[in-house]
Amino acid sequence: MVKIEEEKLEKIKGGEGVSAVWIGIAVASLIIFLSGVIEGLTNPEKCNV
């Protein structure tokens, strides 16, 4: 094993892009859900069962 110096350890970055993707997915999901709720309130239709 190689001991990593403290300077190199501070420069290591990981997982930053992944969290941005999950935040984007969450925001998009929220927008889609809210648009469905608004459409249901403004244009109520009877279920075709």
PDB file of N, CA and C in Angstrom:
ATOM      1  N   MET A   1       0.829  -1.186   0.000  1.00  0.00           N
ATOM      2  CA  MET A   1       0.000   0.000   0.000  1.00  0.00           C
ATOM      3  C   MET A   1       0.871   1.246   0.000  1.00  0.00           C
ATOM      4  N   VAL A   2       0.361   2.261  -0.651  1.00  0.00           N
ATOM      5  CA  VAL A   2       1.081   3.519  -0.712  1.00  0.00           C
ATOM      6  C   VAL A   2       0.358   4.527   0.184  1.00  0.00           C
ATOM      7  N   LYS A   3       1.108   5.191   0.996  1.00  0.00           N
ATOM      8  CA  LYS A   3       0.528   6.209   1.858  1.00  0.00           C
ATOM      9  C   LYS A   3       0.347   7.492   1.041  1.00  0.00           C
ATOM     10  N   ILE A   4      -0.864   8.007   1.036  1.00  0.00           N
ATOM     11  CA  ILE A   4      -1.172   9.216   0.267  1.00  0.00           C
ATOM     12  C   ILE A   4      -0.869  10.436   1.131  1.00  0.00           C
ATOM     13  N   GLU A   5      -0.155  11.367   0.519  1.00  0.00           N
ATOM     14  CA  GLU A   5       0.150  12.595   1.240  1.00  0.00           C
ATOM     15  C   GLU A   5      -1.113  13.421   1.421  1.00  0.00           C
ATOM     16  N   GLU A   6      -1.105  14.263   2.419  1.00  0.00           N
ATOM     17  CA  GLU A   6      -2.296  15.040   2.745  1.00  0.00           C
ATOM     18  C   GLU A   6      -2.690  15.983   1.610  1.00  0.00           C
ATOM     19  N   GLU A   7      -1.723  16.548   0.887  1.00  0.00           N
ATOM     20  CA  GLU A   7      -2.034  17.448  -0.220  1.00  0.00           C
ATOM     21  C   GLU A   7      -2.772  16.707  -1.325  1.00  0.00           C
ATOM     22  N   LYS A   8      -2.310  15.523  -1.667  1.00  0.00           N
ATOM     23  CA  LYS A   8      -2.970  14.732  -2.703  1.00  0.00           C
ATOM     24  C   LYS A   8      -4.355  14.292  -2.239  1.00  0.00           C
ATOM     25  N   LEU A   9      -4.489  14.003  -0.973  1.00  0.00           N
ATOM     26  CA  LEU A   9      -5.761  13.567  -0.428  1.00  0.00           C
ATOM     27  C   LEU A   9      -6.805  14.676  -0.523  1.00  0.00           C
ATOM     28  N   GLU A  10      -6.391  15.925  -0.316  1.00  0.00           N
ATOM     29  CA  GLU A  10      -7.312  17.047  -0.401  1.00  0.00           C
ATOM     30  C   GLU A  10      -7.742  17.324  -1.834  1.00  0.00           C
ATOM     31  N   LYS A  11      -6.932  16.938  -2.814  1.00  0.00           N
ATOM     32  CA  LYS A  11      -7.253  17.190  -4.219  1.00  0.00           C
ATOM     33  C   LYS A  11      -8.194  16.147  -4.805  1.00  0.00           C
ATOM     34  N   ILE A  12      -8.375  15.037  -4.117  1.00  0.00           N
ATOM     35  CA  ILE A  12      -9.234  13.977  -4.634  1.00  0.00           C
ATOM     36  C   ILE A  12     -10.689  14.411  -4.529  1.00  0.00           C
ATOM     37  N   LYS A  13     -11.381  14.344  -5.656  1.00  0.00           N
ATOM     38  CA  LYS A  13     -12.801  14.686  -5.696  1.00  0.00           C
ATOM     39  C   LYS A  13     -13.520  13.523  -6.361  1.00  0.00           C
ATOM     40  N   GLY A  14     -14.643  13.165  -5.820  1.00  0.00           N
ATOM     41  CA  GLY A  14     -15.394  12.076  -6.411  1.00  0.00           C
ATOM     42  C   GLY A  14     -16.872  12.194  -6.105  1.00  0.00           C
ATOM     43  N   GLY A  15     -17.673  11.734  -7.036  1.00  0.00           N
ATOM     44  CA  GLY A  15     -19.104  11.712  -6.827  1.00  0.00           C
ATOM     45  C   GLY A  15     -19.806  13.040  -7.033  1.00  0.00           C
ATOM     46  N   GLU A  16     -19.124  14.040  -7.505  1.00  0.00           N
ATOM     47  CA  GLU A  16     -19.765  15.337  -7.686  1.00  0.00           C
ATOM     48  C   GLU A  16     -20.768  15.298  -8.826  1.00  0.00           C
ATOM     49  N   GLY A  17     -20.403  14.659  -9.925  1.00  0.00           N
ATOM     50  CA  GLY A  17     -21.294  14.596 -11.077  1.00  0.00           C
ATOM     51  C   GLY A  17     -22.519  13.754 -10.812  1.00  0.00           C
ATOM     52  N   VAL A  18     -22.377  12.742  -9.996  1.00  0.00           N
ATOM     53  CA  VAL A  18     -23.495  11.848  -9.713  1.00  0.00           C
ATOM     54  C   VAL A  18     -24.580  12.565  -8.930  1.00  0.00           C
ATOM     55  N   SER A  19     -24.204  13.360  -7.952  1.00  0.00           N
ATOM     56  CA  SER A  19     -25.208  14.062  -7.162  1.00  0.00           C
ATOM     57  C   SER A  19     -25.940  15.098  -8.015  1.00  0.00           C
ATOM     58  N   ALA A  20     -25.259  15.719  -8.949  1.00  0.00           N
ATOM     59  CA  ALA A  20     -25.903  16.686  -9.831  1.00  0.00           C
ATOM     60  C   ALA A  20     -26.942  16.005 -10.709  1.00  0.00           C
ATOM     61  N   VAL A  21     -26.643  14.804 -11.148  1.00  0.00           N
ATOM     62  CA  VAL A  21     -27.594  14.051 -11.973  1.00  0.00           C
ATOM     63  C   VAL A  21     -28.841  13.718 -11.161  1.00  0.00           C
ATOM     64  N   TRP A  22     -28.662  13.260  -9.931  1.00  0.00           N
ATOM     65  CA  TRP A  22     -29.811  12.905  -9.087  1.00  0.00           C
ATOM     66  C   TRP A  22     -30.652  14.135  -8.755  1.00  0.00           C
ATOM     67  N   ILE A  23     -30.020  15.271  -8.562  1.00  0.00           N
ATOM     68  CA  ILE A  23     -30.765  16.501  -8.298  1.00  0.00           C
ATOM     69  C   ILE A  23     -31.578  16.884  -9.532  1.00  0.00           C
ATOM     70  N   GLY A  24     -30.984  16.744 -10.705  1.00  0.00           N
ATOM     71  CA  GLY A  24     -31.703  17.032 -11.953  1.00  0.00           C
ATOM     72  C   GLY A  24     -32.896  16.121 -12.148  1.00  0.00           C
ATOM     73  N   ILE A  25     -32.717  14.833 -11.850  1.00  0.00           N
ATOM     74  CA  ILE A  25     -33.823  13.879 -11.978  1.00  0.00           C
ATOM     75  C   ILE A  25     -34.936  14.222 -10.996  1.00  0.00           C
ATOM     76  N   ALA A  26     -34.576  14.582  -9.774  1.00  0.00           N
ATOM     77  CA  ALA A  26     -35.577  14.928  -8.763  1.00  0.00           C
ATOM     78  C   ALA A  26     -36.360  16.171  -9.165  1.00  0.00           C
ATOM     79  N   VAL A  27     -35.681  17.180  -9.679  1.00  0.00           N
ATOM     80  CA  VAL A  27     -36.352  18.411 -10.098  1.00  0.00           C
ATOM     81  C   VAL A  27     -37.289  18.129 -11.271  1.00  0.00           C
ATOM     82  N   ALA A  28     -36.817  17.353 -12.249  1.00  0.00           N
ATOM     83  CA  ALA A  28     -37.653  17.021 -13.399  1.00  0.00           C
ATOM     84  C   ALA A  28     -38.878  16.222 -12.970  1.00  0.00           C
ATOM     85  N   SER A  29     -38.698  15.284 -12.053  1.00  0.00           N
ATOM     86  CA  SER A  29     -39.824  14.482 -11.569  1.00  0.00           C
ATOM     87  C   SER A  29     -40.852  15.354 -10.856  1.00  0.00           C
ATOM     88  N   LEU A  30     -40.384  16.283 -10.059  1.00  0.00           N
ATOM     89  CA  LEU A  30     -41.286  17.184  -9.351  1.00  0.00           C
ATOM     90  C   LEU A  30     -42.076  18.056 -10.327  1.00  0.00           C
ATOM     91  N   ILE A  31     -41.426  18.563 -11.351  1.00  0.00           N
ATOM     92  CA  ILE A  31     -42.103  19.395 -12.348  1.00  0.00           C
ATOM     93  C   ILE A  31     -43.157  18.590 -13.086  1.00  0.00           C
ATOM     94  N   ILE A  32     -42.828  17.368 -13.481  1.00  0.00           N
ATOM     95  CA  ILE A  32     -43.782  16.514 -14.197  1.00  0.00           C
ATOM     96  C   ILE A  32     -44.979  16.191 -13.304  1.00  0.00           C
ATOM     97  N   PHE A  33     -44.721  15.863 -12.040  1.00  0.00           N
ATOM     98  CA  PHE A  33     -45.808  15.558 -11.113  1.00  0.00           C
ATOM     99  C   PHE A  33     -46.728  16.766 -10.927  1.00  0.00           C
ATOM    100  N   LEU A  34     -46.141  17.929 -10.697  1.00  0.00           N
ATOM    101  CA  LEU A  34     -46.955  19.127 -10.486  1.00  0.00           C
ATOM    102  C   LEU A  34     -47.753  19.507 -11.729  1.00  0.00           C
ATOM    103  N   SER A  35     -47.176  19.307 -12.911  1.00  0.00           N
ATOM    104  CA  SER A  35     -47.926  19.616 -14.131  1.00  0.00           C
ATOM    105  C   SER A  35     -49.109  18.667 -14.275  1.00  0.00           C
ATOM    106  N   GLY A  36     -48.964  17.404 -13.865  1.00  0.00           N
ATOM    107  CA  GLY A  36     -50.082  16.464 -13.888  1.00  0.00           C
ATOM    108  C   GLY A  36     -51.169  16.852 -12.906  1.00  0.00           C
ATOM    109  N   VAL A  37     -50.781  17.305 -11.733  1.00  0.00           N
ATOM    110  CA  VAL A  37     -51.766  17.742 -10.738  1.00  0.00           C
ATOM    111  C   VAL A  37     -52.526  18.965 -11.242  1.00  0.00           C
ATOM    112  N   ILE A  38     -51.812  19.906 -11.803  1.00  0.00           N
ATOM    113  CA  ILE A  38     -52.462  21.122 -12.317  1.00  0.00           C
ATOM    114  C   ILE A  38     -53.399  20.781 -13.470  1.00  0.00           C
ATOM    115  N   GLU A  39     -52.966  19.889 -14.347  1.00  0.00           N
ATOM    116  CA  GLU A  39     -53.835  19.493 -15.462  1.00  0.00           C
ATOM    117  C   GLU A  39     -55.085  18.792 -14.947  1.00  0.00           C
ATOM    118  N   GLY A  40     -54.934  17.952 -13.926  1.00  0.00           N
ATOM    119  CA  GLY A  40     -56.092  17.271 -13.361  1.00  0.00           C
ATOM    120  C   GLY A  40     -57.065  18.228 -12.708  1.00  0.00           C
ATOM    121  N   LEU A  41     -56.572  19.279 -12.108  1.00  0.00           N
ATOM    122  CA  LEU A  41     -57.461  20.259 -11.479  1.00  0.00           C
ATOM    123  C   LEU A  41     -58.147  21.153 -12.502  1.00  0.00           C
ATOM    124  N   THR A  42     -57.448  21.502 -13.562  1.00  0.00           N
ATOM    125  CA  THR A  42     -58.016  22.428 -14.545  1.00  0.00           C
ATOM    126  C   THR A  42     -58.826  21.713 -15.610  1.00  0.00           C
ATOM    127  N   ASN A  43     -58.608  20.431 -15.821  1.00  0.00           N
ATOM    128  CA  ASN A  43     -59.309  19.705 -16.863  1.00  0.00           C
ATOM    129  C   ASN A  43     -59.751  18.343 -16.338  1.00  0.00           C
ATOM    130  N   PRO A  44     -60.677  18.314 -15.375  1.00  0.00           N
ATOM    131  CA  PRO A  44     -61.103  17.032 -14.818  1.00  0.00           C
ATOM    132  C   PRO A  44     -61.913  16.235 -15.842  1.00  0.00           C
ATOM    133  N   GLU A  45     -61.604  14.960 -15.959  1.00  0.00           N
ATOM    134  CA  GLU A  45     -62.330  14.082 -16.873  1.00  0.00           C
ATOM    135  C   GLU A  45     -62.775  12.848 -16.113  1.00  0.00           C
ATOM    136  N   LYS A  46     -63.893  12.296 -16.582  1.00  0.00           N
ATOM    137  CA  LYS A  46     -64.430  11.084 -15.977  1.00  0.00           C
ATOM    138  C   LYS A  46     -63.577   9.885 -16.399  1.00  0.00           C
ATOM    139  N   CYS A  47     -63.386   8.920 -15.498  1.00  0.00           N
ATOM    140  CA  CYS A  47     -62.615   7.719 -15.825  1.00  0.00           C
ATOM    141  C   CYS A  47     -63.387   6.868 -16.834  1.00  0.00           C
ATOM    142  N   ASN A  48     -62.684   6.367 -17.829  1.00  0.00           N
ATOM    143  CA  ASN A  48     -63.311   5.549 -18.870  1.00  0.00           C
ATOM    144  C   ASN A  48     -63.162   4.073 -18.513  1.00  0.00           C
ATOM    145  N   VAL A  49     -63.944   3.641 -17.521  1.00  0.00           N
ATOM    146  CA  VAL A  49     -63.843   2.238 -17.089  1.00  0.00           C
ATOM    147  C   VAL A  49     -64.987   1.435 -17.639  1.00  0.00           C
TER     148      VAL A  49
END
